[in-house]
Amino acid sequence: SGSISSINDMGWFRQAPGKEREGVSC
């Protein structure tokens, strides 16, 4: 929601305990 028109790509990330945030898909 909000200024959606400004957005081009969206992604999914995940972060497991003790690990860095990892890109999954976009």
PDB file of all heavy atoms in Angstrom:
ATOM      1  N   SER A   1       0.850  -1.183   0.000  1.00  0.00           N
ATOM      2  CA  SER A   1       0.000   0.000   0.000  1.00  0.00           C
ATOM      3  C   SER A   1       0.890   1.238   0.000  1.00  0.00           C
ATOM      4  O   SER A   1       2.082   1.159   0.268  1.00  0.00           O
ATOM      5  CB  SER A   1      -0.936   0.003   1.211  1.00  0.00           C
ATOM      6  OG  SER A   1      -0.193   0.001   2.418  1.00  0.00           O
ATOM      7  N   GLY A   2       0.278   2.383  -0.289  1.00  0.00           N
ATOM      8  CA  GLY A   2       1.047   3.623  -0.338  1.00  0.00           C
ATOM      9  C   GLY A   2       1.415   3.973  -1.769  1.00  0.00           C
ATOM     10  O   GLY A   2       0.617   3.795  -2.682  1.00  0.00           O
ATOM     11  N   SER A   3       2.642   4.410  -1.986  1.00  0.00           N
ATOM     12  CA  SER A   3       3.105   4.863  -3.296  1.00  0.00           C
ATOM     13  C   SER A   3       3.509   3.676  -4.169  1.00  0.00           C
ATOM     14  O   SER A   3       4.666   3.539  -4.595  1.00  0.00           O
ATOM     15  CB  SER A   3       4.274   5.830  -3.132  1.00  0.00           C
ATOM     16  OG  SER A   3       3.898   6.943  -2.336  1.00  0.00           O
ATOM     17  N   ILE A   4       2.537   2.867  -4.483  1.00  0.00           N
ATOM     18  CA  ILE A   4       2.806   1.616  -5.194  1.00  0.00           C
ATOM     19  C   ILE A   4       3.328   1.865  -6.600  1.00  0.00           C
ATOM     20  O   ILE A   4       4.129   1.093  -7.127  1.00  0.00           O
ATOM     21  CB  ILE A   4       1.538   0.763  -5.231  1.00  0.00           C
ATOM     22  CG1 ILE A   4       1.088   0.437  -3.818  1.00  0.00           C
ATOM     23  CG2 ILE A   4       1.764  -0.524  -6.011  1.00  0.00           C
ATOM     24  CD1 ILE A   4      -0.285  -0.165  -3.751  1.00  0.00           C
ATOM     25  N   SER A   5       2.910   2.945  -7.208  1.00  0.00           N
ATOM     26  CA  SER A   5       3.336   3.225  -8.576  1.00  0.00           C
ATOM     27  C   SER A   5       4.842   3.424  -8.682  1.00  0.00           C
ATOM     28  O   SER A   5       5.420   3.319  -9.762  1.00  0.00           O
ATOM     29  CB  SER A   5       2.612   4.461  -9.106  1.00  0.00           C
ATOM     30  OG  SER A   5       2.905   5.587  -8.305  1.00  0.00           O
ATOM     31  N   SER A   6       5.496   3.704  -7.568  1.00  0.00           N
ATOM     32  CA  SER A   6       6.942   3.918  -7.585  1.00  0.00           C
ATOM     33  C   SER A   6       7.727   2.616  -7.572  1.00  0.00           C
ATOM     34  O   SER A   6       8.936   2.605  -7.766  1.00  0.00           O
ATOM     35  CB  SER A   6       7.356   4.769  -6.388  1.00  0.00           C
ATOM     36  OG  SER A   6       7.146   4.062  -5.173  1.00  0.00           O
ATOM     37  N   ILE A   7       7.031   1.517  -7.349  1.00  0.00           N
ATOM     38  CA  ILE A   7       7.698   0.224  -7.200  1.00  0.00           C
ATOM     39  C   ILE A   7       7.834  -0.482  -8.535  1.00  0.00           C
ATOM     40  O   ILE A   7       6.893  -0.529  -9.322  1.00  0.00           O
ATOM     41  CB  ILE A   7       6.922  -0.669  -6.223  1.00  0.00           C
ATOM     42  CG1 ILE A   7       6.919  -0.052  -4.834  1.00  0.00           C
ATOM     43  CG2 ILE A   7       7.503  -2.076  -6.191  1.00  0.00           C
ATOM     44  CD1 ILE A   7       8.287   0.188  -4.273  1.00  0.00           C
ATOM     45  N   ASN A   8       9.009  -1.071  -8.783  1.00  0.00           N
ATOM     46  CA  ASN A   8       9.216  -1.862  -9.989  1.00  0.00           C
ATOM     47  C   ASN A   8       9.390  -3.345  -9.695  1.00  0.00           C
ATOM     48  O   ASN A   8       8.787  -4.184 -10.338  1.00  0.00           O
ATOM     49  CB  ASN A   8      10.420  -1.353 -10.771  1.00  0.00           C
ATOM     50  CG  ASN A   8      10.055  -0.226 -11.704  1.00  0.00           C
ATOM     51  OD1 ASN A   8       9.385  -0.443 -12.710  1.00  0.00           O
ATOM     52  ND2 ASN A   8      10.446   0.980 -11.365  1.00  0.00           N
ATOM     53  N   ASP A   9      10.237  -3.681  -8.736  1.00  0.00           N
ATOM     54  CA  ASP A   9      10.461  -5.084  -8.411  1.00  0.00           C
ATOM     55  C   ASP A   9      10.104  -5.366  -6.958  1.00  0.00           C
ATOM     56  O   ASP A   9      10.270  -4.494  -6.101  1.00  0.00           O
ATOM     57  CB  ASP A   9      11.919  -5.471  -8.636  1.00  0.00           C
ATOM     58  CG  ASP A   9      12.200  -5.828 -10.078  1.00  0.00           C
ATOM     59  OD1 ASP A   9      11.887  -5.006 -10.965  1.00  0.00           O
ATOM     60  OD2 ASP A   9      12.722  -6.919 -10.323  1.00  0.00           O
ATOM     61  N   MET A  10       9.657  -6.575  -6.718  1.00  0.00           N
ATOM     62  CA  MET A  10       9.398  -7.017  -5.348  1.00  0.00           C
ATOM     63  C   MET A  10      10.109  -8.339  -5.137  1.00  0.00           C
ATOM     64  O   MET A  10      10.227  -9.150  -6.054  1.00  0.00           O
ATOM     65  CB  MET A  10       7.907  -7.148  -5.106  1.00  0.00           C
ATOM     66  CG  MET A  10       7.200  -5.803  -5.201  1.00  0.00           C
ATOM     67  SD  MET A  10       5.501  -5.850  -4.665  1.00  0.00           S
ATOM     68  CE  MET A  10       5.707  -6.078  -2.890  1.00  0.00           C
ATOM     69  N   GLY A  11      10.583  -8.527  -3.914  1.00  0.00           N
ATOM     70  CA  GLY A  11      11.351  -9.724  -3.627  1.00  0.00           C
ATOM     71  C   GLY A  11      10.926 -10.383  -2.339  1.00  0.00           C
ATOM     72  O   GLY A  11      10.274  -9.773  -1.492  1.00  0.00           O
ATOM     73  N   TRP A  12      11.305 -11.643  -2.231  1.00  0.00           N
ATOM     74  CA  TRP A  12      11.132 -12.394  -0.990  1.00  0.00           C
ATOM     75  C   TRP A  12      12.510 -12.759  -0.453  1.00  0.00           C
ATOM     76  O   TRP A  12      13.355 -13.273  -1.198  1.00  0.00           O
ATOM     77  CB  TRP A  12      10.314 -13.658  -1.222  1.00  0.00           C
ATOM     78  CG  TRP A  12       8.854 -13.413  -1.430  1.00  0.00           C
ATOM     79  CD1 TRP A  12       8.183 -13.327  -2.602  1.00  0.00           C
ATOM     80  CD2 TRP A  12       7.879 -13.214  -0.399  1.00  0.00           C
ATOM     81  NE1 TRP A  12       6.854 -13.086  -2.381  1.00  0.00           N
ATOM     82  CE2 TRP A  12       6.632 -13.018  -1.028  1.00  0.00           C
ATOM     83  CE3 TRP A  12       7.923 -13.196   0.993  1.00  0.00           C
ATOM     84  CZ2 TRP A  12       5.444 -12.800  -0.324  1.00  0.00           C
ATOM     85  CZ3 TRP A  12       6.742 -12.983   1.702  1.00  0.00           C
ATOM     86  CH2 TRP A  12       5.529 -12.786   1.047  1.00  0.00           C
ATOM     87  N   PHE A  13      12.716 -12.507   0.812  1.00  0.00           N
ATOM     88  CA  PHE A  13      13.949 -12.848   1.506  1.00  0.00           C
ATOM     89  C   PHE A  13      13.603 -13.740   2.691  1.00  0.00           C
ATOM     90  O   PHE A  13      12.451 -13.798   3.120  1.00  0.00           O
ATOM     91  CB  PHE A  13      14.659 -11.584   2.010  1.00  0.00           C
ATOM     92  CG  PHE A  13      15.264 -10.754   0.912  1.00  0.00           C
ATOM     93  CD1 PHE A  13      14.456  -9.946   0.126  1.00  0.00           C
ATOM     94  CD2 PHE A  13      16.623 -10.768   0.673  1.00  0.00           C
ATOM     95  CE1 PHE A  13      15.004  -9.171  -0.892  1.00  0.00           C
ATOM     96  CE2 PHE A  13      17.184 -10.002  -0.341  1.00  0.00           C
ATOM     97  CZ  PHE A  13      16.367  -9.207  -1.116  1.00  0.00           C
ATOM     98  N   ARG A  14      14.609 -14.392   3.226  1.00  0.00           N
ATOM     99  CA  ARG A  14      14.397 -15.171   4.436  1.00  0.00           C
ATOM    100  C   ARG A  14      15.638 -15.085   5.315  1.00  0.00           C
ATOM    101  O   ARG A  14      16.747 -14.880   4.827  1.00  0.00           O
ATOM    102  CB  ARG A  14      14.066 -16.625   4.124  1.00  0.00           C
ATOM    103  CG  ARG A  14      15.182 -17.402   3.417  1.00  0.00           C
ATOM    104  CD  ARG A  14      14.670 -18.779   3.004  1.00  0.00           C
ATOM    105  NE  ARG A  14      15.689 -19.565   2.339  1.00  0.00           N
ATOM    106  CZ  ARG A  14      15.462 -20.753   1.777  1.00  0.00           C
ATOM    107  NH1 ARG A  14      14.239 -21.281   1.804  1.00  0.00           N
ATOM    108  NH2 ARG A  14      16.440 -21.405   1.177  1.00  0.00           N
ATOM    109  N   GLN A  15      15.398 -15.228   6.604  1.00  0.00           N
ATOM    110  CA  GLN A  15      16.497 -15.184   7.553  1.00  0.00           C
ATOM    111  C   GLN A  15      16.279 -16.234   8.617  1.00  0.00           C
ATOM    112  O   GLN A  15      15.301 -16.174   9.369  1.00  0.00           O
ATOM    113  CB  GLN A  15      16.624 -13.795   8.182  1.00  0.00           C
ATOM    114  CG  GLN A  15      17.883 -13.625   9.006  1.00  0.00           C
ATOM    115  CD  GLN A  15      18.178 -12.179   9.318  1.00  0.00           C
ATOM    116  OE1 GLN A  15      17.314 -11.307   9.230  1.00  0.00           O
ATOM    117  NE2 GLN A  15      19.417 -11.890   9.681  1.00  0.00           N
ATOM    118  N   ALA A  16      17.195 -17.183   8.659  1.00  0.00           N
ATOM    119  CA  ALA A  16      17.163 -18.227   9.670  1.00  0.00           C
ATOM    120  C   ALA A  16      17.973 -17.770  10.874  1.00  0.00           C
ATOM    121  O   ALA A  16      18.855 -16.911  10.744  1.00  0.00           O
ATOM    122  CB  ALA A  16      17.732 -19.517   9.093  1.00  0.00           C
ATOM    123  N   PRO A  17      17.722 -18.332  12.052  1.00  0.00           N
ATOM    124  CA  PRO A  17      18.456 -17.932  13.260  1.00  0.00           C
ATOM    125  C   PRO A  17      19.958 -18.077  13.055  1.00  0.00           C
ATOM    126  O   PRO A  17      20.444 -19.118  12.596  1.00  0.00           O
ATOM    127  CB  PRO A  17      17.942 -18.904  14.320  1.00  0.00           C
ATOM    128  CG  PRO A  17      16.586 -19.284  13.848  1.00  0.00           C
ATOM    129  CD  PRO A  17      16.670 -19.327  12.354  1.00  0.00           C
ATOM    130  N   GLY A  18      20.685 -17.020  13.380  1.00  0.00           N
ATOM    131  CA  GLY A  18      22.132 -17.058  13.282  1.00  0.00           C
ATOM    132  C   GLY A  18      22.685 -16.930  11.885  1.00  0.00           C
ATOM    133  O   GLY A  18      23.901 -17.025  11.690  1.00  0.00           O
ATOM    134  N   LYS A  19      21.818 -16.701  10.916  1.00  0.00           N
ATOM    135  CA  LYS A  19      22.273 -16.586   9.530  1.00  0.00           C
ATOM    136  C   LYS A  19      21.925 -15.220   8.960  1.00  0.00           C
ATOM    137  O   LYS A  19      21.060 -14.514   9.468  1.00  0.00           O
ATOM    138  CB  LYS A  19      21.659 -17.685   8.670  1.00  0.00           C
ATOM    139  CG  LYS A  19      22.120 -19.089   9.047  1.00  0.00           C
ATOM    140  CD  LYS A  19      21.631 -20.102   8.033  1.00  0.00           C
ATOM    141  CE  LYS A  19      22.150 -21.493   8.366  1.00  0.00           C
ATOM    142  NZ  LYS A  19      21.702 -22.507   7.359  1.00  0.00           N
ATOM    143  N   GLU A  20      22.606 -14.876   7.872  1.00  0.00           N
ATOM    144  CA  GLU A  20      22.317 -13.615   7.203  1.00  0.00           C
ATOM    145  C   GLU A  20      21.021 -13.718   6.406  1.00  0.00           C
ATOM    146  O   GLU A  20      20.573 -14.806   6.043  1.00  0.00           O
ATOM    147  CB  GLU A  20      23.471 -13.245   6.269  1.00  0.00           C
ATOM    148  CG  GLU A  20      24.769 -12.916   6.988  1.00  0.00           C
ATOM    149  CD  GLU A  20      25.837 -12.401   6.044  1.00  0.00           C
ATOM    150  OE1 GLU A  20      25.610 -12.408   4.821  1.00  0.00           O
ATOM    151  OE2 GLU A  20      26.900 -11.989   6.537  1.00  0.00           O
ATOM    152  N   ARG A  21      20.442 -12.552   6.140  1.00  0.00           N
ATOM    153  CA  ARG A  21      19.238 -12.517   5.320  1.00  0.00           C
ATOM    154  C   ARG A  21      19.588 -12.948   3.896  1.00  0.00           C
ATOM    155  O   ARG A  21      20.564 -12.481   3.318  1.00  0.00           O
ATOM    156  CB  ARG A  21      18.637 -11.113   5.331  1.00  0.00           C
ATOM    157  CG  ARG A  21      17.255 -11.038   4.756  1.00  0.00           C
ATOM    158  CD  ARG A  21      16.576  -9.734   5.107  1.00  0.00           C
ATOM    159  NE  ARG A  21      16.376  -9.606   6.548  1.00  0.00           N
ATOM    160  CZ  ARG A  21      15.616  -8.673   7.104  1.00  0.00           C
ATOM    161  NH1 ARG A  21      14.990  -7.782   6.346  1.00  0.00           N
ATOM    162  NH2 ARG A  21      15.486  -8.608   8.415  1.00  0.00           N
ATOM    163  N   GLU A  22      18.759 -13.824   3.349  1.00  0.00           N
ATOM    164  CA  GLU A  22      19.040 -14.457   2.056  1.00  0.00           C
ATOM    165  C   GLU A  22      17.924 -14.136   1.065  1.00  0.00           C
ATOM    166  O   GLU A  22      16.741 -14.332   1.379  1.00  0.00           O
ATOM    167  CB  GLU A  22      19.137 -15.974   2.252  1.00  0.00           C
ATOM    168  CG  GLU A  22      19.261 -16.767   0.975  1.00  0.00           C
ATOM    169  CD  GLU A  22      19.181 -18.269   1.211  1.00  0.00           C
ATOM    170  OE1 GLU A  22      18.298 -18.713   1.991  1.00  0.00           O
ATOM    171  OE2 GLU A  22      19.992 -18.991   0.614  1.00  0.00           O
ATOM    172  N   GLY A  23      18.302 -13.668  -0.112  1.00  0.00           N
ATOM    173  CA  GLY A  23      17.319 -13.454  -1.158  1.00  0.00           C
ATOM    174  C   GLY A  23      16.845 -14.780  -1.704  1.00  0.00           C
ATOM    175  O   GLY A  23      17.652 -15.673  -1.951  1.00  0.00           O
ATOM    176  N   VAL A  24      15.530 -14.916  -1.891  1.00  0.00           N
ATOM    177  CA  VAL A  24      14.934 -16.166  -2.343  1.00  0.00           C
ATOM    178  C   VAL A  24      14.398 -16.048  -3.766  1.00  0.00           C
ATOM    179  O   VAL A  24      14.659 -16.891  -4.613  1.00  0.00           O
ATOM    180  CB  VAL A  24      13.796 -16.585  -1.392  1.00  0.00           C
ATOM    181  CG1 VAL A  24      13.062 -17.801  -1.923  1.00  0.00           C
ATOM    182  CG2 VAL A  24      14.331 -16.828   0.007  1.00  0.00           C
ATOM    183  N   SER A  25      13.654 -14.963  -4.005  1.00  0.00           N
ATOM    184  CA  SER A  25      12.994 -14.823  -5.296  1.00  0.00           C
ATOM    185  C   SER A  25      12.596 -13.370  -5.492  1.00  0.00           C
ATOM    186  O   SER A  25      12.471 -12.617  -4.522  1.00  0.00           O
ATOM    187  CB  SER A  25      11.741 -15.704  -5.340  1.00  0.00           C
ATOM    188  OG  SER A  25      11.055 -15.549  -6.567  1.00  0.00           O
ATOM    189  N   CYS A  26      12.410 -12.988  -6.763  1.00  0.00           N
ATOM    190  CA  CYS A  26      11.889 -11.648  -7.011  1.00  0.00           C
ATOM    191  C   CYS A  26      11.064 -11.653  -8.291  1.00  0.00           C
ATOM    192  O   CYS A  26      11.168 -12.568  -9.106  1.00  0.00           O
ATOM    193  CB  CYS A  26      13.000 -10.612  -7.083  1.00  0.00           C
ATOM    194  SG  CYS A  26      14.153 -10.858  -8.417  1.00  0.00           S
TER     195      CYS A  26
END
